[in-house]
Amino acid sequence: MSAPDLSQILETLNLGVFALDAEGRIVYWNRWIENASGLPPAETLGKSAFELFPELDTPVFRRDLKSVLSFGNFAYFSQKVHGRLLNLSAPAGSPAGFERMEQSCVMGPIRESGKVAYAYVVVEDVTEVVARERRLSELAMKDVLTSAYNRRYFDRRLAEELERCRRYGRALGLVMLDIDFFKNVNDRYGHQFGDAALCAAVSRWTKSLRASDLVARYGGEEFCVLLPEANREESLALAERLRASIACADVSYRELCARITVSAGVAFFREGDSPDDILRRSDEALYRAKAAGRDRVEASR
């Protein structure tokens, strides 16, 4: 009884499959990997995989290939641990934000007459899975309403930034912001308008800040902004930019339209600061901003 022709299966799998000899030359190239790479078998068979895909030419891949060919072992390449094995474009219909295909791969032995003659590599497109995991991770860190970071994530990042300041002598600014008379806004225009105002504030602040800065919802209508590497002058300038971004335009929700303002208190890293210390000083500065008439920025003393 003759063995079935497995190439019929391999050519229709929704997985990439290719095989390498002991020199790293490609000896098999299925249709999936052809479509994903844009390289037909005529351009890959007999060619060095390391020349066609320089990203494979790493100590880890070469060591694993040698282990498979020498001992018949299996090697696994996790997207979380190893990143992308091959630099392939994300296929049409992939989630937004992914230009390259995320992959999970396995390498194993192909035996002939009882001896390992080749190594096969199976490539699975896990871009959808990675996108879903990132989304779930983001939801765990973000405030559901405003998409600002949540209190738990902020507390962790604040502790990390303070440790970085202590260890490397870095600067850090912390801005505490509060929407002025927010209870009156809710009472006059309704809670849905109030929610829209919170979302508009976070959106404007995000556009006003640097990529390294972090906006978090601290509670209710109160927000905190971490400003890594920002000294006193830079922190005050950024806080003023945040205040002005709210005061410069009305907030609209359906047929409702109103101008809102925010008050801000700014604190700066001091040697020996704990999270409670810098938060307390920013809160005291915020209180002075409110006492002085609101819609203003005050620095900690």
C-alpha atoms as a PDB file:
ATOM      1  CA  MET A   1       0.000   0.000   0.000  1.00  0.00           C
ATOM      2  CA  SER A   2       1.553   3.325  -1.063  1.00  0.00           C
ATOM      3  CA  ALA A   3       1.686   6.389   1.168  1.00  0.00           C
ATOM      4  CA  PRO A   4      -0.740   9.239   0.381  1.00  0.00           C
ATOM      5  CA  ASP A   5       0.508  12.326  -1.386  1.00  0.00           C
ATOM      6  CA  LEU A   6       0.601  14.782   1.536  1.00  0.00           C
ATOM      7  CA  SER A   7       1.484  17.698  -0.720  1.00  0.00           C
ATOM      8  CA  GLN A   8      -2.223  17.996  -1.569  1.00  0.00           C
ATOM      9  CA  ILE A   9      -2.881  18.724   2.099  1.00  0.00           C
ATOM     10  CA  LEU A  10       0.102  20.987   2.611  1.00  0.00           C
ATOM     11  CA  GLU A  11      -0.835  23.118  -0.401  1.00  0.00           C
ATOM     12  CA  THR A  12      -4.340  23.799   0.935  1.00  0.00           C
ATOM     13  CA  LEU A  13      -3.532  24.390   4.617  1.00  0.00           C
ATOM     14  CA  ASN A  14      -4.261  27.813   6.066  1.00  0.00           C
ATOM     15  CA  LEU A  15      -0.710  27.720   7.397  1.00  0.00           C
ATOM     16  CA  GLY A  16       2.683  28.499   5.958  1.00  0.00           C
ATOM     17  CA  VAL A  17       4.947  25.475   5.550  1.00  0.00           C
ATOM     18  CA  PHE A  18       8.508  25.449   4.286  1.00  0.00           C
ATOM     19  CA  ALA A  19      11.434  23.085   4.733  1.00  0.00           C
ATOM     20  CA  LEU A  20      15.180  23.624   5.016  1.00  0.00           C
ATOM     21  CA  ASP A  21      18.191  21.400   4.491  1.00  0.00           C
ATOM     22  CA  ALA A  22      21.287  21.356   6.691  1.00  0.00           C
ATOM     23  CA  GLU A  23      22.703  24.390   4.868  1.00  0.00           C
ATOM     24  CA  GLY A  24      19.560  26.440   5.400  1.00  0.00           C
ATOM     25  CA  ARG A  25      18.461  26.109   1.766  1.00  0.00           C
ATOM     26  CA  ILE A  26      14.738  25.993   1.064  1.00  0.00           C
ATOM     27  CA  VAL A  27      13.577  22.631  -0.276  1.00  0.00           C
ATOM     28  CA  TYR A  28       9.812  23.080   0.084  1.00  0.00           C
ATOM     29  CA  TRP A  29       7.586  26.173  -0.104  1.00  0.00           C
ATOM     30  CA  ASN A  30       3.801  25.818   0.113  1.00  0.00           C
ATOM     31  CA  ARG A  31       1.153  28.019  -1.437  1.00  0.00           C
ATOM     32  CA  TRP A  32       0.260  29.873   1.777  1.00  0.00           C
ATOM     33  CA  ILE A  33       3.813  31.066   2.360  1.00  0.00           C
ATOM     34  CA  GLU A  34       4.086  31.908  -1.338  1.00  0.00           C
ATOM     35  CA  ASN A  35       1.052  34.175  -1.100  1.00  0.00           C
ATOM     36  CA  ALA A  36       2.153  35.711   2.208  1.00  0.00           C
ATOM     37  CA  SER A  37       5.690  36.470   1.036  1.00  0.00           C
ATOM     38  CA  GLY A  38       4.983  37.236  -2.607  1.00  0.00           C
ATOM     39  CA  LEU A  39       7.756  34.792  -3.561  1.00  0.00           C
ATOM     40  CA  PRO A  40       6.858  31.808  -5.787  1.00  0.00           C
ATOM     41  CA  PRO A  41       8.700  28.489  -5.372  1.00  0.00           C
ATOM     42  CA  ALA A  42      10.763  29.233  -8.481  1.00  0.00           C
ATOM     43  CA  GLU A  43      12.393  32.108  -6.549  1.00  0.00           C
ATOM     44  CA  THR A  44      12.903  30.261  -3.272  1.00  0.00           C
ATOM     45  CA  LEU A  45      13.679  26.584  -3.869  1.00  0.00           C
ATOM     46  CA  GLY A  46      17.381  25.896  -3.539  1.00  0.00           C
ATOM     47  CA  LYS A  47      18.010  29.413  -2.202  1.00  0.00           C
ATOM     48  CA  SER A  48      19.354  30.249   1.242  1.00  0.00           C
ATOM     49  CA  ALA A  49      16.549  31.178   3.634  1.00  0.00           C
ATOM     50  CA  PHE A  50      19.003  33.455   5.427  1.00  0.00           C
ATOM     51  CA  GLU A  51      19.629  35.451   2.260  1.00  0.00           C
ATOM     52  CA  LEU A  52      15.950  35.698   1.307  1.00  0.00           C
ATOM     53  CA  PHE A  53      14.915  36.498   4.883  1.00  0.00           C
ATOM     54  CA  PRO A  54      17.809  38.130   6.763  1.00  0.00           C
ATOM     55  CA  GLU A  55      15.633  38.305   9.890  1.00  0.00           C
ATOM     56  CA  LEU A  56      16.082  34.518  10.217  1.00  0.00           C
ATOM     57  CA  ASP A  57      19.850  34.883  10.476  1.00  0.00           C
ATOM     58  CA  THR A  58      19.956  35.072  14.261  1.00  0.00           C
ATOM     59  CA  PRO A  59      21.844  32.963  16.838  1.00  0.00           C
ATOM     60  CA  VAL A  60      18.536  31.690  18.232  1.00  0.00           C
ATOM     61  CA  PHE A  61      17.169  30.458  14.900  1.00  0.00           C
ATOM     62  CA  ARG A  62      20.490  28.937  13.812  1.00  0.00           C
ATOM     63  CA  ARG A  63      20.853  27.160  17.159  1.00  0.00           C
ATOM     64  CA  ASP A  64      17.332  25.785  16.987  1.00  0.00           C
ATOM     65  CA  LEU A  65      17.804  24.671  13.371  1.00  0.00           C
ATOM     66  CA  LYS A  66      20.973  22.813  14.355  1.00  0.00           C
ATOM     67  CA  SER A  67      19.179  21.198  17.296  1.00  0.00           C
ATOM     68  CA  VAL A  68      16.328  20.001  15.073  1.00  0.00           C
ATOM     69  CA  LEU A  69      18.662  18.606  12.405  1.00  0.00           C
ATOM     70  CA  SER A  70      21.137  17.038  14.834  1.00  0.00           C
ATOM     71  CA  PHE A  71      18.843  15.588  17.492  1.00  0.00           C
ATOM     72  CA  GLY A  72      15.341  15.594  16.020  1.00  0.00           C
ATOM     73  CA  ASN A  73      14.125  18.145  18.561  1.00  0.00           C
ATOM     74  CA  PHE A  74      11.276  20.593  18.128  1.00  0.00           C
ATOM     75  CA  ALA A  75      11.556  24.370  18.471  1.00  0.00           C
ATOM     76  CA  TYR A  76       8.780  26.842  19.133  1.00  0.00           C
ATOM     77  CA  PHE A  77       8.746  30.539  18.275  1.00  0.00           C
ATOM     78  CA  SER A  78       6.168  32.410  20.303  1.00  0.00           C
ATOM     79  CA  GLN A  79       5.056  35.821  19.127  1.00  0.00           C
ATOM     80  CA  LYS A  80       5.122  37.049  22.741  1.00  0.00           C
ATOM     81  CA  VAL A  81       8.687  35.870  23.364  1.00  0.00           C
ATOM     82  CA  HIS A  82      10.391  35.961  19.977  1.00  0.00           C
ATOM     83  CA  GLY A  83       8.338  38.463  18.003  1.00  0.00           C
ATOM     84  CA  ARG A  84       7.833  37.873  14.286  1.00  0.00           C
ATOM     85  CA  LEU A  85       9.906  35.075  12.757  1.00  0.00           C
ATOM     86  CA  LEU A  86       9.441  36.351   9.200  1.00  0.00           C
ATOM     87  CA  ASN A  87       8.962  39.945   8.127  1.00  0.00           C
ATOM     88  CA  LEU A  88       5.688  39.396   6.264  1.00  0.00           C
ATOM     89  CA  SER A  89       3.093  42.039   5.469  1.00  0.00           C
ATOM     90  CA  ALA A  90      -0.223  41.708   7.253  1.00  0.00           C
ATOM     91  CA  PRO A  91      -2.797  40.257   4.839  1.00  0.00           C
ATOM     92  CA  ALA A  92      -5.808  42.210   3.652  1.00  0.00           C
ATOM     93  CA  GLY A  93      -8.495  42.379   6.311  1.00  0.00           C
ATOM     94  CA  SER A  94      -6.051  42.371   9.225  1.00  0.00           C
ATOM     95  CA  PRO A  95      -6.917  44.525  12.261  1.00  0.00           C
ATOM     96  CA  ALA A  96      -6.134  48.208  12.027  1.00  0.00           C
ATOM     97  CA  GLY A  97      -2.695  49.199  13.273  1.00  0.00           C
ATOM     98  CA  PHE A  98      -0.920  46.060  12.059  1.00  0.00           C
ATOM     99  CA  GLU A  99       1.320  46.549   9.036  1.00  0.00           C
ATOM    100  CA  ARG A 100       3.180  43.278   9.660  1.00  0.00           C
ATOM    101  CA  MET A 101       1.847  39.791  10.290  1.00  0.00           C
ATOM    102  CA  GLU A 102       2.178  38.511  13.843  1.00  0.00           C
ATOM    103  CA  GLN A 103       3.185  34.849  13.855  1.00  0.00           C
ATOM    104  CA  SER A 104       3.389  31.726  15.963  1.00  0.00           C
ATOM    105  CA  CYS A 105       5.804  29.161  14.512  1.00  0.00           C
ATOM    106  CA  VAL A 106       7.085  25.662  15.153  1.00  0.00           C
ATOM    107  CA  MET A 107      10.107  23.886  13.664  1.00  0.00           C
ATOM    108  CA  GLY A 108      10.506  20.125  13.601  1.00  0.00           C
ATOM    109  CA  PRO A 109      12.413  17.270  11.916  1.00  0.00           C
ATOM    110  CA  ILE A 110      11.705  15.481   8.630  1.00  0.00           C
ATOM    111  CA  ARG A 111      13.219  11.996   8.583  1.00  0.00           C
ATOM    112  CA  GLU A 112      14.322   9.901   5.642  1.00  0.00           C
ATOM    113  CA  SER A 113      15.374   6.284   6.225  1.00  0.00           C
ATOM    114  CA  GLY A 114      15.250   6.894   9.960  1.00  0.00           C
ATOM    115  CA  LYS A 115      17.600   9.881   9.925  1.00  0.00           C
ATOM    116  CA  VAL A 116      16.775  13.562  10.132  1.00  0.00           C
ATOM    117  CA  ALA A 117      17.291  15.009   6.667  1.00  0.00           C
ATOM    118  CA  TYR A 118      15.412  18.307   6.777  1.00  0.00           C
ATOM    119  CA  ALA A 119      13.683  20.706   9.126  1.00  0.00           C
ATOM    120  CA  TYR A 120      10.184  21.986   8.487  1.00  0.00           C
ATOM    121  CA  VAL A 121       8.790  25.297   9.702  1.00  0.00           C
ATOM    122  CA  VAL A 122       5.067  25.914  10.181  1.00  0.00           C
ATOM    123  CA  VAL A 123       3.948  29.560  10.260  1.00  0.00           C
ATOM    124  CA  GLU A 124       0.570  30.543  11.716  1.00  0.00           C
ATOM    125  CA  ASP A 125      -0.897  34.023  11.310  1.00  0.00           C
ATOM    126  CA  VAL A 126      -1.928  35.145  14.826  1.00  0.00           C
ATOM    127  CA  THR A 127      -2.458  38.834  14.044  1.00  0.00           C
ATOM    128  CA  GLU A 128      -6.144  38.630  15.034  1.00  0.00           C
ATOM    129  CA  VAL A 129      -5.239  36.948  18.317  1.00  0.00           C
ATOM    130  CA  VAL A 130      -2.574  39.550  19.129  1.00  0.00           C
ATOM    131  CA  ALA A 131      -4.980  42.376  18.303  1.00  0.00           C
ATOM    132  CA  ARG A 132      -7.601  40.870  20.618  1.00  0.00           C
ATOM    133  CA  GLU A 133      -5.068  40.385  23.438  1.00  0.00           C
ATOM    134  CA  ARG A 134      -3.849  43.957  23.089  1.00  0.00           C
ATOM    135  CA  ARG A 135      -7.398  45.241  23.177  1.00  0.00           C
ATOM    136  CA  LEU A 136      -8.176  43.270  26.353  1.00  0.00           C
ATOM    137  CA  SER A 137      -4.948  44.496  27.937  1.00  0.00           C
ATOM    138  CA  GLU A 138      -5.832  48.061  27.002  1.00  0.00           C
ATOM    139  CA  LEU A 139      -9.309  47.712  28.491  1.00  0.00           C
ATOM    140  CA  ALA A 140      -7.752  46.552  31.763  1.00  0.00           C
ATOM    141  CA  MET A 141      -5.667  49.762  31.882  1.00  0.00           C
ATOM    142  CA  LYS A 142      -8.172  52.303  30.561  1.00  0.00           C
ATOM    143  CA  ASP A 143     -11.162  54.129  31.945  1.00  0.00           C
ATOM    144  CA  VAL A 144     -14.195  52.834  30.061  1.00  0.00           C
ATOM    145  CA  LEU A 145     -15.830  56.231  29.547  1.00  0.00           C
ATOM    146  CA  THR A 146     -12.950  58.546  28.647  1.00  0.00           C
ATOM    147  CA  SER A 147     -10.227  56.120  27.458  1.00  0.00           C
ATOM    148  CA  ALA A 148      -7.805  57.832  29.836  1.00  0.00           C
ATOM    149  CA  TYR A 149      -5.695  55.426  31.874  1.00  0.00           C
ATOM    150  CA  ASN A 150      -7.381  54.223  35.049  1.00  0.00           C
ATOM    151  CA  ARG A 151      -6.365  54.824  38.663  1.00  0.00           C
ATOM    152  CA  ARG A 152      -4.736  51.425  39.117  1.00  0.00           C
ATOM    153  CA  TYR A 153      -2.471  51.858  36.088  1.00  0.00           C
ATOM    154  CA  PHE A 154      -1.652  55.428  37.066  1.00  0.00           C
ATOM    155  CA  ASP A 155      -0.611  54.390  40.583  1.00  0.00           C
ATOM    156  CA  ARG A 156       1.740  51.785  39.133  1.00  0.00           C
ATOM    157  CA  ARG A 157       3.265  54.158  36.602  1.00  0.00           C
ATOM    158  CA  LEU A 158       3.712  56.916  39.183  1.00  0.00           C
ATOM    159  CA  ALA A 159       5.657  54.542  41.443  1.00  0.00           C
ATOM    160  CA  GLU A 160       7.803  53.456  38.478  1.00  0.00           C
ATOM    161  CA  GLU A 161       8.536  57.028  37.395  1.00  0.00           C
ATOM    162  CA  LEU A 162       9.486  58.073  40.927  1.00  0.00           C
ATOM    163  CA  GLU A 163      11.864  55.134  41.182  1.00  0.00           C
ATOM    164  CA  ARG A 164      13.420  56.170  37.855  1.00  0.00           C
ATOM    165  CA  CYS A 165      13.840  59.710  39.182  1.00  0.00           C
ATOM    166  CA  ARG A 166      15.526  58.478  42.357  1.00  0.00           C
ATOM    167  CA  ARG A 167      17.831  56.098  40.516  1.00  0.00           C
ATOM    168  CA  TYR A 168      18.881  58.246  37.569  1.00  0.00           C
ATOM    169  CA  GLY A 169      18.315  61.786  38.789  1.00  0.00           C
ATOM    170  CA  ARG A 170      15.535  62.445  36.281  1.00  0.00           C
ATOM    171  CA  ALA A 171      12.908  65.193  36.393  1.00  0.00           C
ATOM    172  CA  LEU A 172       9.176  64.551  36.720  1.00  0.00           C
ATOM    173  CA  GLY A 173       6.127  66.783  36.701  1.00  0.00           C
ATOM    174  CA  LEU A 174       2.669  65.836  37.969  1.00  0.00           C
ATOM    175  CA  VAL A 175      -0.421  67.834  37.014  1.00  0.00           C
ATOM    176  CA  MET A 176      -3.706  67.373  38.847  1.00  0.00           C
ATOM    177  CA  LEU A 177      -6.696  68.752  36.938  1.00  0.00           C
ATOM    178  CA  ASP A 178     -10.283  69.273  37.994  1.00  0.00           C
ATOM    179  CA  ILE A 179     -13.179  70.448  35.831  1.00  0.00           C
ATOM    180  CA  ASP A 180     -14.585  73.592  37.398  1.00  0.00           C
ATOM    181  CA  PHE A 181     -18.111  73.472  38.854  1.00  0.00           C
ATOM    182  CA  PHE A 182     -18.682  70.039  37.323  1.00  0.00           C
ATOM    183  CA  LYS A 183     -21.691  69.336  39.545  1.00  0.00           C
ATOM    184  CA  ASN A 184     -23.343  72.470  38.158  1.00  0.00           C
ATOM    185  CA  VAL A 185     -22.572  71.294  34.611  1.00  0.00           C
ATOM    186  CA  ASN A 186     -24.292  67.978  35.304  1.00  0.00           C
ATOM    187  CA  ASP A 187     -27.241  69.623  37.026  1.00  0.00           C
ATOM    188  CA  ARG A 188     -27.789  72.157  34.243  1.00  0.00           C
ATOM    189  CA  TYR A 189     -27.072  70.128  31.135  1.00  0.00           C
ATOM    190  CA  GLY A 190     -27.508  66.533  32.301  1.00  0.00           C
ATOM    191  CA  HIS A 191     -25.122  63.665  32.994  1.00  0.00           C
ATOM    192  CA  GLN A 192     -24.794  62.721  29.339  1.00  0.00           C
ATOM    193  CA  PHE A 193     -23.454  66.180  28.582  1.00  0.00           C
ATOM    194  CA  GLY A 194     -21.163  65.822  31.597  1.00  0.00           C
ATOM    195  CA  ASP A 195     -19.836  62.550  30.206  1.00  0.00           C
ATOM    196  CA  ALA A 196     -19.258  64.230  26.844  1.00  0.00           C
ATOM    197  CA  ALA A 197     -17.345  67.016  28.608  1.00  0.00           C
ATOM    198  CA  LEU A 198     -15.061  64.482  30.317  1.00  0.00           C
ATOM    199  CA  CYS A 199     -14.381  62.726  27.017  1.00  0.00           C
ATOM    200  CA  ALA A 200     -13.727  66.023  25.230  1.00  0.00           C
ATOM    201  CA  ALA A 201     -11.264  67.062  27.927  1.00  0.00           C
ATOM    202  CA  VAL A 202      -9.247  63.845  27.645  1.00  0.00           C
ATOM    203  CA  SER A 203      -9.261  64.061  23.855  1.00  0.00           C
ATOM    204  CA  ARG A 204      -7.951  67.645  23.860  1.00  0.00           C
ATOM    205  CA  TRP A 205      -5.341  66.904  26.511  1.00  0.00           C
ATOM    206  CA  THR A 206      -4.049  63.896  24.625  1.00  0.00           C
ATOM    207  CA  LYS A 207      -3.508  66.059  21.539  1.00  0.00           C
ATOM    208  CA  SER A 208      -1.718  68.696  23.599  1.00  0.00           C
ATOM    209  CA  LEU A 209       0.827  66.400  25.251  1.00  0.00           C
ATOM    210  CA  ARG A 210       4.023  64.623  24.280  1.00  0.00           C
ATOM    211  CA  ALA A 211       4.037  60.938  23.392  1.00  0.00           C
ATOM    212  CA  SER A 212       5.750  60.112  26.693  1.00  0.00           C
ATOM    213  CA  ASP A 213       3.105  61.824  28.844  1.00  0.00           C
ATOM    214  CA  LEU A 214       0.217  59.968  30.466  1.00  0.00           C
ATOM    215  CA  VAL A 215      -3.341  61.116  31.215  1.00  0.00           C
ATOM    216  CA  ALA A 216      -5.270  59.189  33.880  1.00  0.00           C
ATOM    217  CA  ARG A 217      -8.703  59.558  35.384  1.00  0.00           C
ATOM    218  CA  TYR A 218      -8.013  59.865  39.088  1.00  0.00           C
ATOM    219  CA  GLY A 219     -11.644  59.915  40.166  1.00  0.00           C
ATOM    220  CA  GLY A 220     -14.882  61.569  39.078  1.00  0.00           C
ATOM    221  CA  GLU A 221     -13.993  64.791  37.248  1.00  0.00           C
ATOM    222  CA  GLU A 222     -10.413  64.781  38.528  1.00  0.00           C
ATOM    223  CA  PHE A 223      -7.490  63.752  36.318  1.00  0.00           C
ATOM    224  CA  CYS A 224      -3.745  63.377  36.711  1.00  0.00           C
ATOM    225  CA  VAL A 225      -1.094  63.852  34.047  1.00  0.00           C
ATOM    226  CA  LEU A 226       2.395  62.388  34.415  1.00  0.00           C
ATOM    227  CA  LEU A 227       5.141  64.368  32.678  1.00  0.00           C
ATOM    228  CA  PRO A 228       8.351  62.274  32.607  1.00  0.00           C
ATOM    229  CA  GLU A 229      11.592  64.202  32.037  1.00  0.00           C
ATOM    230  CA  ALA A 230       9.769  67.542  32.426  1.00  0.00           C
ATOM    231  CA  ASN A 231      11.400  70.142  34.697  1.00  0.00           C
ATOM    232  CA  ARG A 232       9.532  72.889  36.551  1.00  0.00           C
ATOM    233  CA  GLU A 233       9.303  75.312  33.614  1.00  0.00           C
ATOM    234  CA  GLU A 234       8.328  72.604  31.122  1.00  0.00           C
ATOM    235  CA  SER A 235       5.711  71.150  33.488  1.00  0.00           C
ATOM    236  CA  LEU A 236       4.093  74.542  34.077  1.00  0.00           C
ATOM    237  CA  ALA A 237       4.053  75.265  30.340  1.00  0.00           C
ATOM    238  CA  LEU A 238       2.429  71.909  29.612  1.00  0.00           C
ATOM    239  CA  ALA A 239      -0.135  72.433  32.380  1.00  0.00           C
ATOM    240  CA  GLU A 240      -1.035  75.821  30.929  1.00  0.00           C
ATOM    241  CA  ARG A 241      -1.420  74.199  27.520  1.00  0.00           C
ATOM    242  CA  LEU A 242      -3.845  71.673  29.060  1.00  0.00           C
ATOM    243  CA  ARG A 243      -5.872  74.433  30.711  1.00  0.00           C
ATOM    244  CA  ALA A 244      -6.013  76.497  27.521  1.00  0.00           C
ATOM    245  CA  SER A 245      -7.055  73.520  25.374  1.00  0.00           C
ATOM    246  CA  ILE A 246     -10.288  73.293  27.374  1.00  0.00           C
ATOM    247  CA  ALA A 247     -11.000  77.016  27.665  1.00  0.00           C
ATOM    248  CA  CYS A 248     -10.509  77.736  23.963  1.00  0.00           C
ATOM    249  CA  ALA A 249     -13.635  76.009  22.616  1.00  0.00           C
ATOM    250  CA  ASP A 250     -17.132  74.952  23.648  1.00  0.00           C
ATOM    251  CA  VAL A 251     -18.109  71.388  24.385  1.00  0.00           C
ATOM    252  CA  SER A 252     -21.025  70.168  22.274  1.00  0.00           C
ATOM    253  CA  TYR A 253     -23.388  67.281  22.817  1.00  0.00           C
ATOM    254  CA  ARG A 254     -26.404  66.928  20.522  1.00  0.00           C
ATOM    255  CA  GLU A 255     -28.151  70.303  20.659  1.00  0.00           C
ATOM    256  CA  LEU A 256     -26.339  71.406  23.834  1.00  0.00           C
ATOM    257  CA  CYS A 257     -23.256  73.600  23.804  1.00  0.00           C
ATOM    258  CA  ALA A 258     -21.325  75.113  26.706  1.00  0.00           C
ATOM    259  CA  ARG A 259     -17.899  76.400  27.667  1.00  0.00           C
ATOM    260  CA  ILE A 260     -16.156  74.595  30.529  1.00  0.00           C
ATOM    261  CA  THR A 261     -12.890  75.363  32.303  1.00  0.00           C
ATOM    262  CA  VAL A 262     -10.384  73.436  34.403  1.00  0.00           C
ATOM    263  CA  SER A 263      -8.121  74.256  37.300  1.00  0.00           C
ATOM    264  CA  ALA A 264      -4.680  72.672  37.621  1.00  0.00           C
ATOM    265  CA  GLY A 265      -2.114  72.074  40.333  1.00  0.00           C
ATOM    266  CA  VAL A 266       1.459  71.153  39.396  1.00  0.00           C
ATOM    267  CA  ALA A 267       4.032  69.392  41.559  1.00  0.00           C
ATOM    268  CA  PHE A 268       7.616  68.462  40.772  1.00  0.00           C
ATOM    269  CA  PHE A 269       9.800  65.583  41.903  1.00  0.00           C
ATOM    270  CA  ARG A 270      11.794  66.140  45.069  1.00  0.00           C
ATOM    271  CA  GLU A 271      14.439  63.769  46.388  1.00  0.00           C
ATOM    272  CA  GLY A 272      12.834  61.198  48.667  1.00  0.00           C
ATOM    273  CA  ASP A 273       9.310  61.713  47.287  1.00  0.00           C
ATOM    274  CA  SER A 274       6.785  58.934  47.745  1.00  0.00           C
ATOM    275  CA  PRO A 275       3.665  58.796  45.553  1.00  0.00           C
ATOM    276  CA  ASP A 276       1.641  60.275  48.410  1.00  0.00           C
ATOM    277  CA  ASP A 277       4.098  63.180  48.765  1.00  0.00           C
ATOM    278  CA  ILE A 278       3.939  64.412  45.166  1.00  0.00           C
ATOM    279  CA  LEU A 279       0.190  63.771  44.944  1.00  0.00           C
ATOM    280  CA  ARG A 280      -0.384  65.772  48.115  1.00  0.00           C
ATOM    281  CA  ARG A 281       1.573  68.754  46.791  1.00  0.00           C
ATOM    282  CA  SER A 282      -0.236  68.714  43.435  1.00  0.00           C
ATOM    283  CA  ASP A 283      -3.578  68.497  45.253  1.00  0.00           C
ATOM    284  CA  GLU A 284      -2.642  71.464  47.465  1.00  0.00           C
ATOM    285  CA  ALA A 285      -1.676  73.463  44.365  1.00  0.00           C
ATOM    286  CA  LEU A 286      -4.997  72.535  42.732  1.00  0.00           C
ATOM    287  CA  TYR A 287      -6.849  73.756  45.840  1.00  0.00           C
ATOM    288  CA  ARG A 288      -5.063  77.113  45.595  1.00  0.00           C
ATOM    289  CA  ALA A 289      -6.002  77.374  41.902  1.00  0.00           C
ATOM    290  CA  LYS A 290      -9.660  76.904  42.812  1.00  0.00           C
ATOM    291  CA  ALA A 291      -9.450  79.342  45.710  1.00  0.00           C
ATOM    292  CA  ALA A 292      -7.867  81.958  43.436  1.00  0.00           C
ATOM    293  CA  GLY A 293     -10.816  81.910  41.036  1.00  0.00           C
ATOM    294  CA  ARG A 294     -10.461  78.680  39.007  1.00  0.00           C
ATOM    295  CA  ASP A 295      -9.505  78.338  35.329  1.00  0.00           C
ATOM    296  CA  ARG A 296      -5.853  78.738  36.254  1.00  0.00           C
ATOM    297  CA  VAL A 297      -2.624  76.850  36.986  1.00  0.00           C
ATOM    298  CA  GLU A 298      -0.836  76.934  40.340  1.00  0.00           C
ATOM    299  CA  ALA A 299       2.550  75.428  41.186  1.00  0.00           C
ATOM    300  CA  SER A 300       3.334  73.534  44.373  1.00  0.00           C
ATOM    301  CA  ARG A 301       5.323  75.291  47.081  1.00  0.00           C
END
